[in-house]
Protein backbone atom coordinates (compact mmCIF):
# COMPACT_ATOMS: atom_id res chain seq x y z
CA MET A 1 21.45 -27.14 -6.96
CA THR A 2 19.60 -23.84 -7.29
CA GLU A 3 16.15 -24.38 -8.78
CA ARG A 4 15.52 -22.62 -12.08
CA ILE A 5 12.09 -21.01 -12.41
CA ALA A 6 10.94 -19.76 -15.80
CA LEU A 7 9.55 -16.25 -15.99
CA PRO A 8 5.93 -17.28 -16.74
CA LEU A 9 5.88 -19.43 -13.59
CA ALA A 10 7.51 -16.67 -11.54
CA ARG A 11 4.78 -14.33 -12.74
CA ARG A 12 2.02 -16.77 -11.74
CA ILE A 13 3.64 -17.34 -8.33
CA ALA A 14 3.74 -13.57 -7.73
CA LEU A 15 0.12 -13.10 -8.80
CA ALA A 16 -1.15 -15.95 -6.64
CA ALA A 17 0.75 -14.62 -3.63
CA GLN A 18 -0.96 -11.27 -4.14
CA GLY A 19 -4.43 -12.80 -4.24
CA PHE A 20 -5.12 -12.76 -7.97
CA GLY A 21 -6.69 -15.62 -9.88
CA GLU A 22 -9.33 -16.35 -7.24
CA ALA A 23 -13.08 -16.03 -7.75
CA HIS A 24 -14.65 -12.88 -6.34
CA PRO A 25 -17.02 -13.43 -3.40
CA GLY A 26 -20.71 -12.97 -4.11
CA VAL A 27 -20.92 -10.49 -1.22
CA VAL A 28 -17.73 -9.16 0.34
CA ASN A 29 -17.78 -9.18 4.12
CA GLN A 30 -15.37 -8.03 6.81
CA GLY A 31 -13.68 -11.42 6.83
CA HIS A 32 -12.83 -11.23 3.11
CA LEU A 33 -11.42 -7.75 3.58
CA ARG A 34 -9.42 -8.74 6.66
CA ARG A 35 -7.84 -11.69 4.88
CA THR A 36 -6.94 -9.53 1.88
CA VAL A 37 -5.22 -6.89 3.99
CA GLU A 38 -3.42 -9.53 6.03
CA ARG A 39 -2.25 -11.25 2.85
CA LEU A 40 -0.83 -8.00 1.45
CA GLY A 41 0.42 -6.72 4.80
CA LEU A 42 -0.60 -3.14 4.04
CA HIS A 43 -2.59 -0.79 1.83
CA GLN A 44 -0.65 2.31 0.82
CA ILE A 45 -2.38 5.64 1.43
CA ASP A 46 -2.21 8.51 -1.06
CA SER A 47 -3.99 11.85 -1.03
CA VAL A 48 -4.86 11.98 -4.77
CA ASN A 49 -8.59 11.46 -5.30
CA ALA A 50 -8.96 11.64 -9.09
CA LEU A 51 -10.73 8.27 -9.08
CA THR A 52 -10.99 7.18 -5.46
CA ARG A 53 -8.55 7.11 -2.57
CA ALA A 54 -5.71 4.71 -3.36
CA HIS A 55 -6.13 2.61 -0.21
CA TYR A 56 -9.57 1.44 -1.37
CA LEU A 57 -8.37 0.06 -4.71
CA PRO A 58 -6.27 -3.02 -3.80
CA ALA A 59 -9.27 -4.72 -2.21
CA PHE A 60 -11.44 -3.90 -5.23
CA SER A 61 -8.79 -5.32 -7.57
CA ARG A 62 -8.82 -8.63 -5.68
CA LEU A 63 -12.39 -8.92 -4.36
CA GLY A 64 -14.50 -6.95 -6.81
CA VAL A 65 -17.35 -4.69 -5.73
CA TYR A 66 -17.37 -4.12 -1.97
CA ASP A 67 -18.61 -1.55 0.52
CA THR A 68 -15.73 0.81 1.36
CA ALA A 69 -17.40 1.44 4.72
CA LEU A 70 -15.97 -1.94 5.73
CA LEU A 71 -12.46 -0.55 5.30
CA ASP A 72 -13.36 2.73 6.99
CA GLN A 73 -14.69 0.86 10.02
CA SER A 74 -11.56 -1.26 10.24
CA ALA A 75 -9.28 1.76 9.97
CA TRP A 76 -11.08 4.62 11.70
CA GLY A 77 -14.17 3.16 13.39
CA ARG A 78 -14.84 2.43 17.04
CA ARG A 79 -11.85 1.01 18.87
CA SER A 80 -13.64 -2.30 19.37
CA ALA A 81 -14.15 -2.58 15.58
CA ARG A 82 -10.64 -1.58 14.55
CA ARG A 83 -8.50 -4.06 12.69
CA LEU A 84 -6.05 -1.62 11.03
CA PHE A 85 -3.76 1.21 12.05
CA GLU A 86 -1.84 3.89 10.18
CA TYR A 87 1.92 4.07 10.11
CA TRP A 88 4.89 4.67 7.84
CA ALA A 89 5.59 1.22 6.38
CA HIS A 90 5.76 1.37 2.59
CA GLU A 91 5.14 5.11 2.67
CA ALA A 92 2.01 6.06 4.63
CA SER A 93 0.02 2.84 5.01
CA LEU A 94 -2.87 1.05 6.63
CA LEU A 95 -1.64 -2.13 8.32
CA PRO A 96 -3.18 -5.01 10.27
CA LEU A 97 -2.93 -4.47 14.02
CA SER A 98 -0.94 -7.70 14.26
CA LEU A 99 2.02 -5.88 12.68
CA HIS A 100 2.13 -3.17 15.35
CA PRO A 101 4.74 -4.98 17.49
CA LEU A 102 6.96 -5.54 14.44
CA LEU A 103 7.19 -1.79 13.82
CA ARG A 104 7.93 -0.61 17.35
CA TRP A 105 11.67 -0.70 16.70
CA ARG A 106 11.10 1.92 13.98
CA MET A 107 9.04 4.00 16.40
CA ALA A 108 11.84 3.78 18.98
CA ARG A 109 14.42 4.89 16.43
CA ALA A 110 12.23 7.83 15.47
CA GLU A 111 11.80 8.85 19.11
CA ARG A 112 15.60 8.84 19.47
CA GLY A 113 15.92 11.03 16.39
CA GLU A 114 17.46 8.24 14.31
CA ALA A 115 14.72 8.00 11.67
CA GLY A 116 12.43 10.28 9.70
CA TYR A 117 12.84 13.49 7.80
CA GLN A 118 15.34 16.03 9.09
CA ARG A 119 12.67 18.43 10.38
CA MET A 120 11.07 15.59 12.34
CA ARG A 121 14.43 14.61 13.83
CA GLN A 122 14.85 18.13 15.19
CA PHE A 123 11.78 17.62 17.38
CA ALA A 124 13.30 14.44 18.81
CA ARG A 125 16.47 16.28 19.82
CA ASP A 126 16.69 20.06 19.94
CA ARG A 127 12.98 20.86 20.02
CA ARG A 128 11.57 18.05 22.13
CA ALA A 129 9.90 20.47 24.55
CA GLU A 130 7.77 21.86 21.72
CA ALA A 131 6.71 18.37 20.67
CA ASP A 132 5.91 17.47 24.27
CA ALA A 133 3.71 20.58 24.53
CA ILE A 134 1.70 19.45 21.52
CA LEU A 135 1.45 15.95 22.99
CA ALA A 136 0.18 17.43 26.26
CA ARG A 137 -2.46 19.45 24.45
CA ILE A 138 -3.78 16.34 22.66
CA ALA A 139 -3.80 14.49 25.97
CA ALA A 140 -5.87 17.27 27.54
CA GLU A 141 -8.19 18.21 24.67
CA GLY A 142 -8.58 14.97 22.73
CA PRO A 143 -8.08 14.28 19.01
CA LEU A 144 -6.62 17.19 17.02
CA ALA A 145 -5.39 17.83 13.47
CA ALA A 146 -2.54 20.02 12.28
CA SER A 147 -5.06 22.69 11.24
CA ASP A 148 -6.24 22.93 14.85
CA PHE A 149 -2.83 24.27 15.86
CA GLU A 150 -2.54 27.06 13.30
CA THR A 151 -4.98 29.34 11.53
CA SER A 152 -3.09 29.14 8.23
CA ARG A 153 -1.96 26.00 6.47
CA THR A 154 0.96 25.56 4.14
CA GLY A 155 1.27 23.21 1.19
CA TRP A 156 2.16 19.52 1.24
CA TRP A 157 5.83 20.22 0.51
CA GLU A 158 6.16 23.03 3.08
CA TRP A 159 4.87 21.55 6.29
CA SER A 160 4.01 23.90 9.13
CA GLU A 161 5.97 23.62 12.36
CA ALA A 162 3.00 22.02 14.10
CA LYS A 163 2.62 19.47 11.29
CA SER A 164 6.31 18.52 11.54
CA ALA A 165 6.04 18.09 15.30
CA LEU A 166 2.89 15.99 14.92
CA GLU A 167 4.55 13.81 12.30
CA PHE A 168 7.51 13.26 14.63
CA LEU A 169 5.13 12.17 17.42
CA PHE A 170 3.30 9.95 14.92
CA TYR A 171 6.49 8.35 13.63
CA ALA A 172 7.62 7.80 17.21
CA GLY A 173 4.38 5.96 17.95
CA LEU A 174 3.32 8.40 20.68
CA ILE A 175 0.23 9.43 18.74
CA THR A 176 -1.64 7.78 15.90
CA THR A 177 -4.56 8.46 13.60
CA ALA A 178 -7.87 8.60 15.43
CA THR A 179 -9.89 9.39 12.30
CA ARG A 180 -9.79 11.25 9.02
CA ARG A 181 -11.80 14.39 8.36
CA ARG A 182 -13.92 14.86 5.26
CA SER A 183 -10.95 16.58 3.61
CA PHE A 184 -8.93 13.44 4.43
CA GLU A 185 -6.88 15.40 6.96
CA ARG A 186 -5.40 13.14 9.60
CA VAL A 187 -6.71 13.64 13.15
CA TYR A 188 -4.28 12.51 15.86
CA ASP A 189 -4.85 11.10 19.32
CA LEU A 190 -2.75 9.38 21.96
CA THR A 191 -1.85 5.88 20.84
CA GLU A 192 -3.25 4.33 24.03
CA ARG A 193 -6.66 5.86 23.25
CA VAL A 194 -6.75 4.40 19.72
CA ILE A 195 -4.85 1.10 19.58
CA PRO A 196 -6.71 -1.64 21.52
CA ALA A 197 -5.10 -2.65 24.82
CA ALA A 198 -4.80 -6.26 23.67
CA VAL A 199 -2.51 -5.10 20.86
CA ARG A 200 -0.51 -2.67 23.00
CA ASP A 201 0.05 -5.46 25.52
CA LEU A 202 1.64 -7.77 22.95
CA SER A 203 5.31 -8.30 23.67
CA THR A 204 7.79 -6.20 21.71
CA PRO A 205 10.33 -8.31 19.82
CA ASP A 206 13.91 -7.14 19.57
CA GLU A 207 14.93 -5.33 16.38
CA ALA A 208 16.45 -8.34 14.66
CA ASP A 209 13.38 -10.53 15.23
CA ALA A 210 10.99 -7.75 14.23
CA ILE A 211 12.84 -7.02 10.99
CA ARG A 212 12.99 -10.72 10.24
CA GLY A 213 9.21 -10.85 10.76
CA LEU A 214 8.68 -7.97 8.32
CA MET A 215 10.92 -9.60 5.73
CA GLU A 216 8.96 -12.85 6.06
CA HIS A 217 5.68 -10.96 5.60
CA ALA A 218 7.11 -9.31 2.49
CA ALA A 219 8.32 -12.65 1.12
CA ARG A 220 4.94 -14.28 1.68
CA ALA A 221 3.12 -11.35 0.04
CA LEU A 222 5.45 -11.33 -2.98
CA GLY A 223 5.83 -15.10 -3.40
CA ILE A 224 9.06 -14.78 -5.35
CA ALA A 225 11.33 -11.75 -5.13
CA THR A 226 14.84 -10.35 -5.18
CA ALA A 227 16.51 -8.99 -2.06
CA PRO A 228 15.77 -5.34 -3.04
CA ASP A 229 12.11 -6.27 -3.65
CA LEU A 230 11.88 -7.74 -0.16
CA ARG A 231 13.55 -4.74 1.48
CA ASP A 232 11.37 -2.28 -0.40
CA TYR A 233 8.08 -3.75 0.82
CA PHE A 234 8.46 -2.26 4.31
CA ARG A 235 11.20 0.23 3.36
CA LEU A 236 14.03 -1.58 5.16
CA SER A 237 17.68 -0.65 4.80
CA SER A 238 20.21 -3.06 3.35
CA ALA A 239 22.02 -3.22 6.70
CA ASP A 240 18.82 -4.15 8.54
CA ALA A 241 17.50 -6.57 5.93
CA ALA A 242 20.64 -8.60 5.15
CA PRO A 243 20.82 -10.57 8.43
CA ALA A 244 17.06 -11.22 8.27
CA LEU A 245 17.32 -12.55 4.72
CA GLU A 246 20.22 -14.81 5.68
CA SER A 247 18.24 -16.17 8.62
CA LEU A 248 15.16 -16.86 6.48
CA VAL A 249 17.27 -18.81 3.99
CA GLU A 250 19.05 -20.76 6.71
CA ASP A 251 15.82 -22.00 8.31
CA GLY A 252 14.19 -22.86 4.97
CA THR A 253 11.53 -20.14 4.98
CA LEU A 254 13.08 -18.85 1.75
CA CYS A 255 14.85 -20.77 -0.98
CA LEU A 256 17.34 -19.22 -3.38
CA VAL A 257 16.15 -19.70 -6.98
CA ASP A 258 17.26 -18.69 -10.45
CA VAL A 259 14.86 -16.71 -12.66
CA PRO A 260 16.43 -16.01 -16.08
CA GLY A 261 17.35 -12.34 -16.43
CA TRP A 262 16.84 -11.58 -12.74
CA PRO A 263 19.31 -10.94 -9.95
CA PRO A 264 19.34 -13.76 -7.34
CA ALA A 265 15.75 -14.44 -6.28
CA TYR A 266 14.07 -16.00 -3.26
CA LEU A 267 10.98 -18.22 -3.21
CA HIS A 268 8.79 -18.41 -0.11
CA HIS A 269 8.39 -22.03 1.01
CA ALA A 270 4.57 -21.71 1.11
CA ALA A 271 4.24 -20.01 -2.28
CA ARG A 272 1.68 -21.57 -4.60
CA ARG A 273 2.68 -22.54 -8.14
CA PRO A 274 -0.53 -22.28 -10.15
CA ARG A 275 -0.57 -23.69 -13.66
CA ARG A 276 -2.58 -20.71 -14.83
CA ILE A 277 -4.11 -17.46 -13.59
CA ARG A 278 -7.50 -16.29 -14.80
CA GLY A 279 -9.16 -12.96 -14.09
CA ARG A 280 -9.02 -9.27 -14.72
CA ALA A 281 -8.23 -6.28 -12.54
CA LEU A 282 -7.49 -2.58 -12.72
CA LEU A 283 -4.55 -1.75 -10.47
CA ALA A 284 -3.96 1.37 -8.41
CA PRO A 285 -0.65 3.15 -9.12
CA PHE A 286 0.31 2.21 -5.54
CA ASP A 287 -0.76 -1.44 -5.67
CA PRO A 288 1.90 -3.69 -4.10
CA LEU A 289 1.95 -5.83 -7.25
CA ILE A 290 3.44 -2.95 -9.23
CA TRP A 291 4.71 -0.27 -6.84
CA GLU A 292 8.33 -1.39 -7.24
CA ARG A 293 8.81 -0.36 -10.87
CA GLY A 294 11.88 -2.50 -11.53
CA ARG A 295 10.05 -5.61 -10.33
CA CYS A 296 7.05 -4.69 -12.49
CA GLU A 297 9.31 -4.56 -15.55
CA ARG A 298 10.99 -7.85 -14.66
CA LEU A 299 7.69 -9.66 -14.11
CA PHE A 300 5.60 -8.23 -16.91
CA GLY A 301 7.90 -6.41 -19.32
CA PHE A 302 5.75 -3.38 -18.44
CA ARG A 303 7.42 -0.01 -17.89
CA TYR A 304 5.16 2.04 -15.65
CA ARG A 305 5.62 5.52 -14.26
CA ILE A 306 3.21 7.78 -12.33
CA GLU A 307 2.73 10.98 -14.31
CA ILE A 308 0.71 12.96 -11.77
CA TYR A 309 3.55 15.44 -11.27
CA THR A 310 4.54 15.54 -14.95
CA PRO A 311 3.38 18.64 -16.89
CA ALA A 312 0.33 17.75 -18.96
CA GLU A 313 2.06 18.34 -22.27
CA LYS A 314 4.83 15.90 -21.34
CA ARG A 315 2.65 13.03 -20.16
CA GLN A 316 2.85 9.87 -22.20
CA HIS A 317 -0.24 8.01 -20.96
CA GLY A 318 -2.23 10.41 -18.77
CA TYR A 319 -2.70 11.85 -15.28
CA TYR A 320 -4.08 8.95 -13.20
CA VAL A 321 -3.29 5.79 -15.12
CA LEU A 322 -4.27 2.30 -13.95
CA PRO A 323 -2.59 -0.75 -15.50
CA PHE A 324 -5.02 -3.44 -16.61
CA LEU A 325 -4.25 -7.03 -15.62
CA LEU A 326 -5.77 -9.72 -17.81
CA ASP A 327 -5.04 -13.24 -16.60
CA ASP A 328 -1.26 -13.19 -15.97
CA ARG A 329 -0.28 -10.20 -18.11
CA LEU A 330 -0.49 -6.41 -17.96
CA VAL A 331 -2.09 -5.66 -21.30
CA ALA A 332 -3.24 -2.03 -21.19
CA ARG A 333 -3.20 1.19 -19.22
CA VAL A 334 -6.21 3.44 -18.70
CA ASP A 335 -6.33 7.11 -17.70
CA LEU A 336 -9.40 7.46 -15.47
CA LYS A 337 -11.28 10.11 -13.56
CA ALA A 338 -14.48 9.94 -11.51
CA ASP A 339 -16.68 12.89 -12.47
CA ARG A 340 -18.93 12.78 -9.43
CA GLN A 341 -20.98 15.86 -10.35
CA ARG A 342 -22.11 14.17 -13.58
CA SER A 343 -22.01 10.62 -12.15
CA THR A 344 -19.66 9.59 -14.93
CA LEU A 345 -16.52 7.51 -15.11
CA ARG A 346 -14.37 9.39 -17.60
CA VAL A 347 -11.94 7.29 -19.58
CA HIS A 348 -9.55 9.88 -20.95
CA ALA A 349 -7.36 7.41 -22.79
CA VAL A 350 -6.72 3.70 -23.28
CA HIS A 351 -3.31 2.45 -24.37
CA HIS A 352 -3.03 -1.24 -25.28
CA GLU A 353 0.31 -2.99 -25.04
CA ALA A 354 1.79 -4.15 -28.34
CA ASP A 355 1.19 -7.80 -27.47
CA ALA A 356 -2.28 -7.36 -25.94
CA PRO A 357 -4.60 -10.26 -26.86
CA PRO A 358 -7.59 -9.63 -29.15
CA ASP A 359 -10.11 -9.81 -26.30
CA THR A 360 -8.42 -7.02 -24.29
CA GLY A 361 -10.97 -4.37 -25.26
CA GLU A 362 -13.96 -6.52 -24.32
CA ALA A 363 -12.40 -7.60 -21.02
CA LEU A 364 -11.48 -4.02 -20.16
CA ALA A 365 -15.00 -2.81 -20.92
CA GLY A 366 -16.35 -5.35 -18.47
CA GLU A 367 -13.95 -4.22 -15.76
CA LEU A 368 -14.78 -0.55 -16.36
CA ASP A 369 -18.47 -1.42 -15.91
CA ARG A 370 -17.64 -3.09 -12.60
CA LEU A 371 -15.54 -0.11 -11.51
CA ALA A 372 -18.31 2.35 -12.32
CA THR A 373 -20.81 0.23 -10.37
CA TRP A 374 -18.49 0.13 -7.37
CA LEU A 375 -17.96 3.90 -7.47
CA GLY A 376 -21.71 4.53 -7.80
CA LEU A 377 -21.33 6.20 -11.20
CA GLU A 378 -24.17 5.87 -13.69
CA ASP A 379 -22.32 6.42 -16.97
CA ILE A 380 -18.99 5.76 -18.65
CA ALA A 381 -17.62 8.33 -21.08
CA ALA A 382 -16.33 6.79 -24.31
CA PRO A 383 -12.56 6.23 -24.15
CA ALA A 384 -10.07 7.59 -26.60
CA GLU A 385 -8.19 4.60 -27.95
CA GLY A 386 -4.41 4.84 -28.10
């Protein structure tokens, strides 16, 4: 019979799988960071810097105060020190190098013009000579950014021709990120000059095995999830994911379970079932615990939307809003900004959930203190309660 799992247990399983409920290390080292990224499978990258870059926040939420230089070294340091690489996984992401072979099928599809945005696909087919010319220039001159190819730059939503060609080459795995400039602009180089040889020499699994591997990573990172949740983690199509899911159930890696109110759900065989979760954390808008909004509502009864692109007068909770996790519940949301000129963490608004426990304010104050310390900010501006 299908096992029935009550929602509170499903929530604790999901939190434990994501690394919550564990004591923070006294001093975070490269090993702690490596294990966190490997557990999650990826850190999503986003260009908004109202508080700090989004890819730094998941490790802070799980480990506490840490030196972000550890992540920078792993992502963009010397090749011998690299542990991460950039690629399109769940949007633009930093991933452990061990996942590189599992994404080569996506790179191959992109090179054939079968994946990516329409403008990128044009460079795989009709405009391949132009892309090859850019590739040749990088090979000859070394790492280059899109701004090195043109004197003027267009906005994020109107990519230049050079940027589109570079993104095609990036998606196809022919180039990758060598470093990031101070402006956070991506600087590209040939993949063989960035990715360590030991990783490039790993065998390439066929598509079916690679997709199955990604689905298993997603299942382990989520603990308990629906089929759409599992597909979404690495942005897999239904057609690609369905055979992988069937295979994982057949061999016992996943078990079909019943969570009241959910579509059919799947439990990873190694998922922990903690009796309770203790701790507190502020979550980035792009944290894998909450990035799939439907799953967030199912787990926590918490409707969350990013309002960055909403006109100010129409925002409900604020511009850059972080949900606040207290033990096993999302109990508040906080609109935050790092005012670096005045060394102040500005708390524009705090909105408590209707069922937030009485100690929410005190717990949140403690976490805001920790956040300010981590960001190197001396003061916290008084929040506006909501």
